[in-house]
């Protein structure tokens, strides 16, 4: 049966969730401050500041689920602490009044530093910086009377993904035959989640009350190295693999003393200096999903970037 769904935010996750729902025949209300979003006959783009109390309620009439994909205005802990808890509280309260489940995309930050594979049963109790903010958000969701599901992903790649370790700093350079420089060790395994797999898991979780009020891991393929992922993009593009170098952490730390964005990036650099592997098999079984193979995801990613270049 076709349903009404509300999506907040039109970044890579919100856009992909909205399109997946619309392609399945569901009506989507996509809420952003700017009214932006993908062009689809079943996607209704609305200009709404969902963090304002009462602003969301008129748009939840008849909605089965809210996919809260909006993010902070800047990538730093202070901004997240100032913006995210209040916005999530408003969304949870409005969804509760409407009788809708809220599904959140989530990162691995709340686990903090983990030795070995990251599984759903590990504690999510990080205390500092951006990691601590994410842990606090998960605790607030668990305490809310509104049903929620948080679907955790590792670093993104895929169509619509620009600002990412596997986004605009990598794929366009591969297509141009230029070398790529990555954070940390390029030859350590590092999990990358294909955004359409995250969207599929979020949509499936919303439709599965048995998994509500849990934290799941998005289906994620076995972890490649960063060098292997770059090679997969090159193979998909039909070009020679480019040289892969490393961004020196010593230099980045020096820059971070005067550049806030670099400093915030370095907070999570430990994820790239040791194996960083997320396991998703248990969640895959619960949702009846499997991850997209890296070569298939790389081909779709390269095609998207090429389409953008041709259009622009």
C-alpha atoms as a PDB file:
ATOM      1  CA  UNK A   1       0.000   0.000   0.000  1.00  0.00           C
ATOM      2  CA  UNK A   2       1.325   3.429  -0.915  1.00  0.00           C
ATOM      3  CA  UNK A   3       1.995   5.618   2.117  1.00  0.00           C
ATOM      4  CA  UNK A   4       2.993   9.154   2.990  1.00  0.00           C
ATOM      5  CA  UNK A   5       6.528   9.587   4.307  1.00  0.00           C
ATOM      6  CA  UNK A   6       8.318  12.691   5.549  1.00  0.00           C
ATOM      7  CA  UNK A   7      12.029  13.221   4.911  1.00  0.00           C
ATOM      8  CA  UNK A   8      13.958  16.063   6.505  1.00  0.00           C
ATOM      9  CA  UNK A   9      17.109  17.210   4.739  1.00  0.00           C
ATOM     10  CA  UNK A  10      18.144  16.885   1.092  1.00  0.00           C
ATOM     11  CA  UNK A  11      21.772  15.872   1.459  1.00  0.00           C
ATOM     12  CA  UNK A  12      22.979  12.560   0.028  1.00  0.00           C
ATOM     13  CA  UNK A  13      21.037  10.470   2.541  1.00  0.00           C
ATOM     14  CA  UNK A  14      17.801  12.472   2.475  1.00  0.00           C
ATOM     15  CA  UNK A  15      17.847  12.649  -1.319  1.00  0.00           C
ATOM     16  CA  UNK A  16      18.480   8.921  -1.692  1.00  0.00           C
ATOM     17  CA  UNK A  17      15.804   7.970   0.850  1.00  0.00           C
ATOM     18  CA  UNK A  18      13.270  10.282  -0.805  1.00  0.00           C
ATOM     19  CA  UNK A  19      13.955   8.877  -4.273  1.00  0.00           C
ATOM     20  CA  UNK A  20      13.821   5.273  -3.052  1.00  0.00           C
ATOM     21  CA  UNK A  21      10.435   5.855  -1.439  1.00  0.00           C
ATOM     22  CA  UNK A  22       9.076   7.761  -4.432  1.00  0.00           C
ATOM     23  CA  UNK A  23      10.309   5.142  -6.900  1.00  0.00           C
ATOM     24  CA  UNK A  24       8.368   2.572  -4.847  1.00  0.00           C
ATOM     25  CA  UNK A  25       5.200   4.626  -5.343  1.00  0.00           C
ATOM     26  CA  UNK A  26       5.051   6.408  -1.988  1.00  0.00           C
ATOM     27  CA  UNK A  27       4.270  10.102  -1.603  1.00  0.00           C
ATOM     28  CA  UNK A  28       7.199  11.930  -0.009  1.00  0.00           C
ATOM     29  CA  UNK A  29       7.167  15.293   1.730  1.00  0.00           C
ATOM     30  CA  UNK A  30      10.739  16.530   1.647  1.00  0.00           C
ATOM     31  CA  UNK A  31      11.321  19.316   4.143  1.00  0.00           C
ATOM     32  CA  UNK A  32      14.316  21.646   3.983  1.00  0.00           C
ATOM     33  CA  UNK A  33      14.952  25.269   4.879  1.00  0.00           C
ATOM     34  CA  UNK A  34      15.574  26.096   1.210  1.00  0.00           C
ATOM     35  CA  UNK A  35      12.897  23.950  -0.433  1.00  0.00           C
ATOM     36  CA  UNK A  36      15.581  22.037  -2.330  1.00  0.00           C
ATOM     37  CA  UNK A  37      15.622  18.384  -3.278  1.00  0.00           C
ATOM     38  CA  UNK A  38      15.337  15.944  -6.175  1.00  0.00           C
ATOM     39  CA  UNK A  39      12.805  16.425  -8.958  1.00  0.00           C
ATOM     40  CA  UNK A  40      10.289  13.554  -8.844  1.00  0.00           C
ATOM     41  CA  UNK A  41       6.497  13.606  -9.351  1.00  0.00           C
ATOM     42  CA  UNK A  42       5.951  11.950  -5.962  1.00  0.00           C
ATOM     43  CA  UNK A  43       8.389  14.176  -4.044  1.00  0.00           C
ATOM     44  CA  UNK A  44       6.740  17.292  -2.629  1.00  0.00           C
ATOM     45  CA  UNK A  45       9.481  19.768  -1.743  1.00  0.00           C
ATOM     46  CA  UNK A  46       8.555  22.119   1.079  1.00  0.00           C
ATOM     47  CA  UNK A  47      10.381  24.987   2.754  1.00  0.00           C
ATOM     48  CA  UNK A  48      10.256  24.180   6.477  1.00  0.00           C
ATOM     49  CA  UNK A  49      12.638  24.746   9.392  1.00  0.00           C
ATOM     50  CA  UNK A  50      11.979  21.467  11.208  1.00  0.00           C
ATOM     51  CA  UNK A  51      13.845  22.630  14.300  1.00  0.00           C
ATOM     52  CA  UNK A  52      11.186  25.237  15.065  1.00  0.00           C
ATOM     53  CA  UNK A  53       8.553  23.936  17.512  1.00  0.00           C
ATOM     54  CA  UNK A  54       5.254  23.418  15.718  1.00  0.00           C
ATOM     55  CA  UNK A  55       6.687  23.838  12.209  1.00  0.00           C
ATOM     56  CA  UNK A  56       6.694  20.125  11.473  1.00  0.00           C
ATOM     57  CA  UNK A  57       3.204  19.228  12.729  1.00  0.00           C
ATOM     58  CA  UNK A  58       1.166  20.421   9.703  1.00  0.00           C
ATOM     59  CA  UNK A  59       3.236  18.221   7.409  1.00  0.00           C
ATOM     60  CA  UNK A  60       2.921  14.984   9.408  1.00  0.00           C
ATOM     61  CA  UNK A  61      -0.787  14.420   8.742  1.00  0.00           C
ATOM     62  CA  UNK A  62      -1.130  10.829   7.560  1.00  0.00           C
ATOM     63  CA  UNK A  63       2.620  10.147   7.655  1.00  0.00           C
ATOM     64  CA  UNK A  64       3.742   6.627   8.497  1.00  0.00           C
ATOM     65  CA  UNK A  65       7.375   7.551   9.139  1.00  0.00           C
ATOM     66  CA  UNK A  66       9.771  10.456   9.454  1.00  0.00           C
ATOM     67  CA  UNK A  67      13.286  10.012   8.086  1.00  0.00           C
ATOM     68  CA  UNK A  68      15.303  12.665   9.896  1.00  0.00           C
ATOM     69  CA  UNK A  69      18.290  13.223   7.618  1.00  0.00           C
ATOM     70  CA  UNK A  70      18.998  16.890   8.352  1.00  0.00           C
ATOM     71  CA  UNK A  71      22.443  17.640   9.725  1.00  0.00           C
ATOM     72  CA  UNK A  72      24.261  20.418  11.521  1.00  0.00           C
ATOM     73  CA  UNK A  73      25.236  23.647   9.803  1.00  0.00           C
ATOM     74  CA  UNK A  74      28.945  22.949  10.381  1.00  0.00           C
ATOM     75  CA  UNK A  75      31.114  19.908  11.020  1.00  0.00           C
ATOM     76  CA  UNK A  76      32.195  20.655  14.563  1.00  0.00           C
ATOM     77  CA  UNK A  77      31.230  19.560  18.039  1.00  0.00           C
ATOM     78  CA  UNK A  78      30.150  22.988  19.281  1.00  0.00           C
ATOM     79  CA  UNK A  79      27.719  23.453  16.393  1.00  0.00           C
ATOM     80  CA  UNK A  80      26.349  19.952  16.790  1.00  0.00           C
ATOM     81  CA  UNK A  81      25.879  20.445  20.542  1.00  0.00           C
ATOM     82  CA  UNK A  82      24.082  23.730  19.923  1.00  0.00           C
ATOM     83  CA  UNK A  83      21.819  22.588  17.076  1.00  0.00           C
ATOM     84  CA  UNK A  84      21.203  18.861  16.989  1.00  0.00           C
ATOM     85  CA  UNK A  85      19.707  17.870  20.373  1.00  0.00           C
ATOM     86  CA  UNK A  86      17.015  20.560  20.237  1.00  0.00           C
ATOM     87  CA  UNK A  87      16.076  19.776  16.645  1.00  0.00           C
ATOM     88  CA  UNK A  88      15.846  16.053  17.335  1.00  0.00           C
ATOM     89  CA  UNK A  89      13.684  16.709  20.393  1.00  0.00           C
ATOM     90  CA  UNK A  90      11.275  18.789  18.300  1.00  0.00           C
ATOM     91  CA  UNK A  91      11.131  16.098  15.584  1.00  0.00           C
ATOM     92  CA  UNK A  92      10.574  13.295  18.088  1.00  0.00           C
ATOM     93  CA  UNK A  93       7.797  15.155  19.869  1.00  0.00           C
ATOM     94  CA  UNK A  94       6.018  16.047  16.612  1.00  0.00           C
ATOM     95  CA  UNK A  95       6.306  12.495  15.275  1.00  0.00           C
ATOM     96  CA  UNK A  96       4.987  11.159  18.569  1.00  0.00           C
ATOM     97  CA  UNK A  97       1.897  13.349  18.293  1.00  0.00           C
ATOM     98  CA  UNK A  98       1.386  12.081  14.732  1.00  0.00           C
ATOM     99  CA  UNK A  99       1.952   8.423  15.597  1.00  0.00           C
ATOM    100  CA  UNK A 100       4.940   8.087  13.221  1.00  0.00           C
ATOM    101  CA  UNK A 101       8.205   6.242  13.730  1.00  0.00           C
ATOM    102  CA  UNK A 102      11.395   8.291  13.315  1.00  0.00           C
ATOM    103  CA  UNK A 103      14.320   6.749  11.461  1.00  0.00           C
ATOM    104  CA  UNK A 104      17.763   8.321  11.798  1.00  0.00           C
ATOM    105  CA  UNK A 105      20.933   7.791   9.794  1.00  0.00           C
ATOM    106  CA  UNK A 106      23.775   7.471  12.272  1.00  0.00           C
ATOM    107  CA  UNK A 107      27.564   7.334  12.237  1.00  0.00           C
ATOM    108  CA  UNK A 108      30.053   5.106  14.043  1.00  0.00           C
ATOM    109  CA  UNK A 109      31.237   8.020  16.160  1.00  0.00           C
ATOM    110  CA  UNK A 110      29.389   7.016  19.332  1.00  0.00           C
ATOM    111  CA  UNK A 111      31.437   3.804  19.608  1.00  0.00           C
ATOM    112  CA  UNK A 112      34.636   5.777  20.100  1.00  0.00           C
ATOM    113  CA  UNK A 113      37.896   3.877  19.629  1.00  0.00           C
ATOM    114  CA  UNK A 114      37.268   0.178  19.079  1.00  0.00           C
ATOM    115  CA  UNK A 115      39.773  -2.638  18.672  1.00  0.00           C
ATOM    116  CA  UNK A 116      38.482  -5.265  16.275  1.00  0.00           C
ATOM    117  CA  UNK A 117      35.254  -5.339  14.262  1.00  0.00           C
ATOM    118  CA  UNK A 118      32.525  -2.879  15.259  1.00  0.00           C
ATOM    119  CA  UNK A 119      29.292  -4.741  15.996  1.00  0.00           C
ATOM    120  CA  UNK A 120      25.862  -3.624  17.181  1.00  0.00           C
ATOM    121  CA  UNK A 121      26.325  -5.034  20.687  1.00  0.00           C
ATOM    122  CA  UNK A 122      29.330  -2.869  21.563  1.00  0.00           C
ATOM    123  CA  UNK A 123      28.804   0.079  23.939  1.00  0.00           C
ATOM    124  CA  UNK A 124      28.066   3.430  22.347  1.00  0.00           C
ATOM    125  CA  UNK A 125      29.383   5.572  25.165  1.00  0.00           C
ATOM    126  CA  UNK A 126      31.955   7.944  23.692  1.00  0.00           C
ATOM    127  CA  UNK A 127      32.232  11.050  25.828  1.00  0.00           C
ATOM    128  CA  UNK A 128      34.197  13.743  24.034  1.00  0.00           C
ATOM    129  CA  UNK A 129      33.799  16.001  21.010  1.00  0.00           C
ATOM    130  CA  UNK A 130      31.632  14.970  18.091  1.00  0.00           C
ATOM    131  CA  UNK A 131      31.706  11.377  19.300  1.00  0.00           C
ATOM    132  CA  UNK A 132      30.161  12.398  22.607  1.00  0.00           C
ATOM    133  CA  UNK A 133      27.430  14.394  20.860  1.00  0.00           C
ATOM    134  CA  UNK A 134      26.427  11.350  18.815  1.00  0.00           C
ATOM    135  CA  UNK A 135      26.336   9.153  21.935  1.00  0.00           C
ATOM    136  CA  UNK A 136      24.133  11.698  23.721  1.00  0.00           C
ATOM    137  CA  UNK A 137      21.740  11.810  20.743  1.00  0.00           C
ATOM    138  CA  UNK A 138      21.387   8.032  20.799  1.00  0.00           C
ATOM    139  CA  UNK A 139      20.609   8.099  24.520  1.00  0.00           C
ATOM    140  CA  UNK A 140      17.951  10.782  23.978  1.00  0.00           C
ATOM    141  CA  UNK A 141      16.314   8.718  21.230  1.00  0.00           C
ATOM    142  CA  UNK A 142      16.271   5.660  23.487  1.00  0.00           C
ATOM    143  CA  UNK A 143      14.586   7.693  26.244  1.00  0.00           C
ATOM    144  CA  UNK A 144      11.912   9.136  23.948  1.00  0.00           C
ATOM    145  CA  UNK A 145       8.408   7.625  23.992  1.00  0.00           C
ATOM    146  CA  UNK A 146       8.332   8.015  20.205  1.00  0.00           C
ATOM    147  CA  UNK A 147       9.503   4.848  18.413  1.00  0.00           C
ATOM    148  CA  UNK A 148      12.850   5.272  16.661  1.00  0.00           C
ATOM    149  CA  UNK A 149      15.394   3.329  14.673  1.00  0.00           C
ATOM    150  CA  UNK A 150      18.982   4.501  14.230  1.00  0.00           C
ATOM    151  CA  UNK A 151      20.759   2.987  11.225  1.00  0.00           C
ATOM    152  CA  UNK A 152      24.533   3.270  11.503  1.00  0.00           C
ATOM    153  CA  UNK A 153      26.787   3.682   8.481  1.00  0.00           C
ATOM    154  CA  UNK A 154      30.520   4.008   8.021  1.00  0.00           C
ATOM    155  CA  UNK A 155      32.026   6.621   5.693  1.00  0.00           C
ATOM    156  CA  UNK A 156      29.753   7.200   2.706  1.00  0.00           C
ATOM    157  CA  UNK A 157      30.294   6.699  -0.979  1.00  0.00           C
ATOM    158  CA  UNK A 158      27.867   6.614  -3.882  1.00  0.00           C
ATOM    159  CA  UNK A 159      25.719   8.909  -6.019  1.00  0.00           C
ATOM    160  CA  UNK A 160      24.984  12.332  -4.475  1.00  0.00           C
ATOM    161  CA  UNK A 161      27.932  11.990  -2.057  1.00  0.00           C
ATOM    162  CA  UNK A 162      30.244  14.983  -2.401  1.00  0.00           C
ATOM    163  CA  UNK A 163      31.821  15.875   0.941  1.00  0.00           C
ATOM    164  CA  UNK A 164      33.294  12.547   1.990  1.00  0.00           C
ATOM    165  CA  UNK A 165      36.573  10.663   2.193  1.00  0.00           C
ATOM    166  CA  UNK A 166      35.365   8.869  -0.965  1.00  0.00           C
ATOM    167  CA  UNK A 167      33.657  11.839  -2.595  1.00  0.00           C
ATOM    168  CA  UNK A 168      34.821  14.978  -4.347  1.00  0.00           C
ATOM    169  CA  UNK A 169      38.416  14.620  -3.151  1.00  0.00           C
ATOM    170  CA  UNK A 170      38.689  11.210  -4.834  1.00  0.00           C
ATOM    171  CA  UNK A 171      36.334  10.357  -7.709  1.00  0.00           C
ATOM    172  CA  UNK A 172      36.805  13.493  -9.872  1.00  0.00           C
ATOM    173  CA  UNK A 173      40.565  13.144  -9.525  1.00  0.00           C
ATOM    174  CA  UNK A 174      40.396   9.497 -10.618  1.00  0.00           C
ATOM    175  CA  UNK A 175      38.330  10.509 -13.658  1.00  0.00           C
ATOM    176  CA  UNK A 176      40.873  13.221 -14.490  1.00  0.00           C
ATOM    177  CA  UNK A 177      43.810  10.812 -14.232  1.00  0.00           C
ATOM    178  CA  UNK A 178      45.252  12.645 -11.252  1.00  0.00           C
ATOM    179  CA  UNK A 179      46.791  11.216  -8.108  1.00  0.00           C
ATOM    180  CA  UNK A 180      44.763  10.839  -4.920  1.00  0.00           C
ATOM    181  CA  UNK A 181      45.884  11.594  -1.369  1.00  0.00           C
ATOM    182  CA  UNK A 182      44.026   9.981   1.510  1.00  0.00           C
ATOM    183  CA  UNK A 183      43.968  10.359   5.259  1.00  0.00           C
ATOM    184  CA  UNK A 184      45.959   7.796   7.202  1.00  0.00           C
ATOM    185  CA  UNK A 185      47.264   4.510   5.867  1.00  0.00           C
ATOM    186  CA  UNK A 186      45.896   3.693   2.378  1.00  0.00           C
ATOM    187  CA  UNK A 187      46.546  -0.032   2.875  1.00  0.00           C
ATOM    188  CA  UNK A 188      44.492  -0.690   6.001  1.00  0.00           C
ATOM    189  CA  UNK A 189      40.945  -2.087   5.763  1.00  0.00           C
ATOM    190  CA  UNK A 190      38.320   0.632   6.193  1.00  0.00           C
ATOM    191  CA  UNK A 191      34.580   0.118   5.874  1.00  0.00           C
ATOM    192  CA  UNK A 192      32.699   2.284   3.390  1.00  0.00           C
ATOM    193  CA  UNK A 193      28.886   2.233   3.247  1.00  0.00           C
ATOM    194  CA  UNK A 194      27.163   2.669  -0.106  1.00  0.00           C
ATOM    195  CA  UNK A 195      24.494   5.329   0.483  1.00  0.00           C
ATOM    196  CA  UNK A 196      21.725   3.461  -1.407  1.00  0.00           C
ATOM    197  CA  UNK A 197      22.308   0.535   0.993  1.00  0.00           C
ATOM    198  CA  UNK A 198      21.868   2.873   3.953  1.00  0.00           C
ATOM    199  CA  UNK A 199      18.658   4.242   2.410  1.00  0.00           C
ATOM    200  CA  UNK A 200      17.344   0.720   1.767  1.00  0.00           C
ATOM    201  CA  UNK A 201      17.981  -0.214   5.402  1.00  0.00           C
ATOM    202  CA  UNK A 202      16.257   2.919   6.700  1.00  0.00           C
ATOM    203  CA  UNK A 203      13.173   2.299   4.555  1.00  0.00           C
ATOM    204  CA  UNK A 204      13.047  -1.373   5.557  1.00  0.00           C
ATOM    205  CA  UNK A 205      13.469  -0.516   9.246  1.00  0.00           C
ATOM    206  CA  UNK A 206      10.566   1.952   9.139  1.00  0.00           C
ATOM    207  CA  UNK A 207       8.339  -0.819   7.803  1.00  0.00           C
ATOM    208  CA  UNK A 208       9.475  -3.401  10.396  1.00  0.00           C
ATOM    209  CA  UNK A 209       8.063  -2.661  13.864  1.00  0.00           C
ATOM    210  CA  UNK A 210      10.056  -5.572  15.306  1.00  0.00           C
ATOM    211  CA  UNK A 211      13.266  -3.549  14.912  1.00  0.00           C
ATOM    212  CA  UNK A 212      11.920  -0.262  16.259  1.00  0.00           C
ATOM    213  CA  UNK A 213      13.746   1.144  19.270  1.00  0.00           C
ATOM    214  CA  UNK A 214      17.004  -0.497  18.232  1.00  0.00           C
ATOM    215  CA  UNK A 215      20.299   0.505  16.646  1.00  0.00           C
ATOM    216  CA  UNK A 216      21.113  -1.316  13.402  1.00  0.00           C
ATOM    217  CA  UNK A 217      24.084  -1.331  11.057  1.00  0.00           C
ATOM    218  CA  UNK A 218      23.473  -0.526   7.408  1.00  0.00           C
ATOM    219  CA  UNK A 219      24.453  -3.338   5.033  1.00  0.00           C
ATOM    220  CA  UNK A 220      28.115  -2.706   4.302  1.00  0.00           C
ATOM    221  CA  UNK A 221      30.400  -4.732   2.034  1.00  0.00           C
ATOM    222  CA  UNK A 222      33.617  -6.292   3.392  1.00  0.00           C
ATOM    223  CA  UNK A 223      36.050  -3.497   4.122  1.00  0.00           C
ATOM    224  CA  UNK A 224      38.431  -2.597   1.289  1.00  0.00           C
ATOM    225  CA  UNK A 225      41.551  -0.556   1.787  1.00  0.00           C
ATOM    226  CA  UNK A 226      41.397   3.033   0.596  1.00  0.00           C
ATOM    227  CA  UNK A 227      43.794   2.070  -2.195  1.00  0.00           C
ATOM    228  CA  UNK A 228      41.450  -0.741  -3.261  1.00  0.00           C
ATOM    229  CA  UNK A 229      38.454   1.588  -3.269  1.00  0.00           C
ATOM    230  CA  UNK A 230      40.320   4.084  -5.446  1.00  0.00           C
ATOM    231  CA  UNK A 231      41.235   1.177  -7.714  1.00  0.00           C
ATOM    232  CA  UNK A 232      37.565   0.143  -7.916  1.00  0.00           C
ATOM    233  CA  UNK A 233      36.638   3.666  -9.061  1.00  0.00           C
ATOM    234  CA  UNK A 234      39.396   3.551 -11.668  1.00  0.00           C
ATOM    235  CA  UNK A 235      38.285   0.131 -12.947  1.00  0.00           C
ATOM    236  CA  UNK A 236      34.682   1.340 -13.152  1.00  0.00           C
ATOM    237  CA  UNK A 237      35.838   4.373 -15.119  1.00  0.00           C
ATOM    238  CA  UNK A 238      38.037   2.337 -17.439  1.00  0.00           C
ATOM    239  CA  UNK A 239      41.162   4.314 -16.515  1.00  0.00           C
ATOM    240  CA  UNK A 240      44.506   3.367 -15.037  1.00  0.00           C
ATOM    241  CA  UNK A 241      44.639   3.283 -11.226  1.00  0.00           C
ATOM    242  CA  UNK A 242      46.138   6.591 -10.059  1.00  0.00           C
ATOM    243  CA  UNK A 243      48.933   6.844  -7.527  1.00  0.00           C
ATOM    244  CA  UNK A 244      47.599   6.963  -3.978  1.00  0.00           C
ATOM    245  CA  UNK A 245      49.496   9.041  -1.446  1.00  0.00           C
ATOM    246  CA  UNK A 246      48.942  10.030   2.161  1.00  0.00           C
ATOM    247  CA  UNK A 247      48.080  13.388   3.677  1.00  0.00           C
ATOM    248  CA  UNK A 248      50.799  13.803   6.357  1.00  0.00           C
ATOM    249  CA  UNK A 249      49.177  13.898   9.795  1.00  0.00           C
ATOM    250  CA  UNK A 250      52.028  16.071  11.104  1.00  0.00           C
ATOM    251  CA  UNK A 251      51.205  18.716   8.495  1.00  0.00           C
ATOM    252  CA  UNK A 252      47.465  18.445   9.137  1.00  0.00           C
ATOM    253  CA  UNK A 253      48.016  18.895  12.871  1.00  0.00           C
ATOM    254  CA  UNK A 254      50.010  22.045  12.197  1.00  0.00           C
ATOM    255  CA  UNK A 255      47.253  23.381   9.954  1.00  0.00           C
ATOM    256  CA  UNK A 256      44.681  22.368  12.553  1.00  0.00           C
ATOM    257  CA  UNK A 257      46.157  24.786  15.068  1.00  0.00           C
ATOM    258  CA  UNK A 258      44.816  27.672  12.993  1.00  0.00           C
ATOM    259  CA  UNK A 259      42.100  26.020  10.858  1.00  0.00           C
ATOM    260  CA  UNK A 260      39.037  24.772  12.668  1.00  0.00           C
ATOM    261  CA  UNK A 261      37.814  22.463   9.890  1.00  0.00           C
ATOM    262  CA  UNK A 262      41.116  20.603   9.746  1.00  0.00           C
ATOM    263  CA  UNK A 263      41.173  20.329  13.531  1.00  0.00           C
ATOM    264  CA  UNK A 264      37.693  18.789  13.519  1.00  0.00           C
ATOM    265  CA  UNK A 265      38.715  16.341  10.791  1.00  0.00           C
ATOM    266  CA  UNK A 266      41.723  15.198  12.801  1.00  0.00           C
ATOM    267  CA  UNK A 267      39.531  14.333  15.787  1.00  0.00           C
ATOM    268  CA  UNK A 268      38.509  11.143  13.969  1.00  0.00           C
ATOM    269  CA  UNK A 269      41.835  10.457  12.241  1.00  0.00           C
ATOM    270  CA  UNK A 270      42.310   7.326  14.376  1.00  0.00           C
ATOM    271  CA  UNK A 271      39.765   5.669  12.099  1.00  0.00           C
ATOM    272  CA  UNK A 272      42.376   5.754   9.317  1.00  0.00           C
ATOM    273  CA  UNK A 273      45.515   4.796  11.221  1.00  0.00           C
ATOM    274  CA  UNK A 274      44.314   1.334  12.271  1.00  0.00           C
ATOM    275  CA  UNK A 275      41.873  -1.172  10.754  1.00  0.00           C
ATOM    276  CA  UNK A 276      38.348   0.277  10.921  1.00  0.00           C
ATOM    277  CA  UNK A 277      35.813  -2.422  10.120  1.00  0.00           C
ATOM    278  CA  UNK A 278      32.055  -2.368  10.684  1.00  0.00           C
ATOM    279  CA  UNK A 279      30.132  -5.649  10.767  1.00  0.00           C
ATOM    280  CA  UNK A 280      26.541  -5.594   9.513  1.00  0.00           C
ATOM    281  CA  UNK A 281      25.582  -9.252   9.124  1.00  0.00           C
ATOM    282  CA  UNK A 282      23.175  -9.330  12.064  1.00  0.00           C
ATOM    283  CA  UNK A 283      21.269  -6.272  10.843  1.00  0.00           C
ATOM    284  CA  UNK A 284      21.266  -7.635   7.286  1.00  0.00           C
ATOM    285  CA  UNK A 285      19.510 -10.759   8.559  1.00  0.00           C
ATOM    286  CA  UNK A 286      16.952  -8.742  10.522  1.00  0.00           C
ATOM    287  CA  UNK A 287      16.115  -6.563   7.509  1.00  0.00           C
ATOM    288  CA  UNK A 288      16.502  -9.180   4.783  1.00  0.00           C
ATOM    289  CA  UNK A 289      19.070  -7.077   2.929  1.00  0.00           C
ATOM    290  CA  UNK A 290      22.582  -7.525   1.558  1.00  0.00           C
ATOM    291  CA  UNK A 291      25.251  -4.932   0.763  1.00  0.00           C
ATOM    292  CA  UNK A 292      26.015  -3.844  -2.771  1.00  0.00           C
ATOM    293  CA  UNK A 293      29.384  -5.216  -3.952  1.00  0.00           C
ATOM    294  CA  UNK A 294      32.083  -2.560  -4.096  1.00  0.00           C
ATOM    295  CA  UNK A 295      32.552  -2.855  -7.866  1.00  0.00           C
ATOM    296  CA  UNK A 296      28.837  -2.347  -8.503  1.00  0.00           C
ATOM    297  CA  UNK A 297      28.671   0.649  -6.164  1.00  0.00           C
ATOM    298  CA  UNK A 298      31.833   2.110  -7.699  1.00  0.00           C
ATOM    299  CA  UNK A 299      30.315   1.899 -11.193  1.00  0.00           C
ATOM    300  CA  UNK A 300      27.141   3.747 -10.098  1.00  0.00           C
ATOM    301  CA  UNK A 301      29.269   6.354  -8.337  1.00  0.00           C
ATOM    302  CA  UNK A 302      31.480   6.966 -11.366  1.00  0.00           C
ATOM    303  CA  UNK A 303      28.429   7.171 -13.642  1.00  0.00           C
ATOM    304  CA  UNK A 304      26.866   9.803 -11.364  1.00  0.00           C
ATOM    305  CA  UNK A 305      30.010  11.937 -11.345  1.00  0.00           C
ATOM    306  CA  UNK A 306      30.320  11.658 -15.121  1.00  0.00           C
ATOM    307  CA  UNK A 307      26.681  12.674 -15.583  1.00  0.00           C
ATOM    308  CA  UNK A 308      27.331  15.728 -13.416  1.00  0.00           C
ATOM    309  CA  UNK A 309      30.366  16.686 -15.486  1.00  0.00           C
ATOM    310  CA  UNK A 310      28.414  16.367 -18.730  1.00  0.00           C
ATOM    311  CA  UNK A 311      25.502  18.367 -17.335  1.00  0.00           C
ATOM    312  CA  UNK A 312      27.695  21.131 -15.972  1.00  0.00           C
END
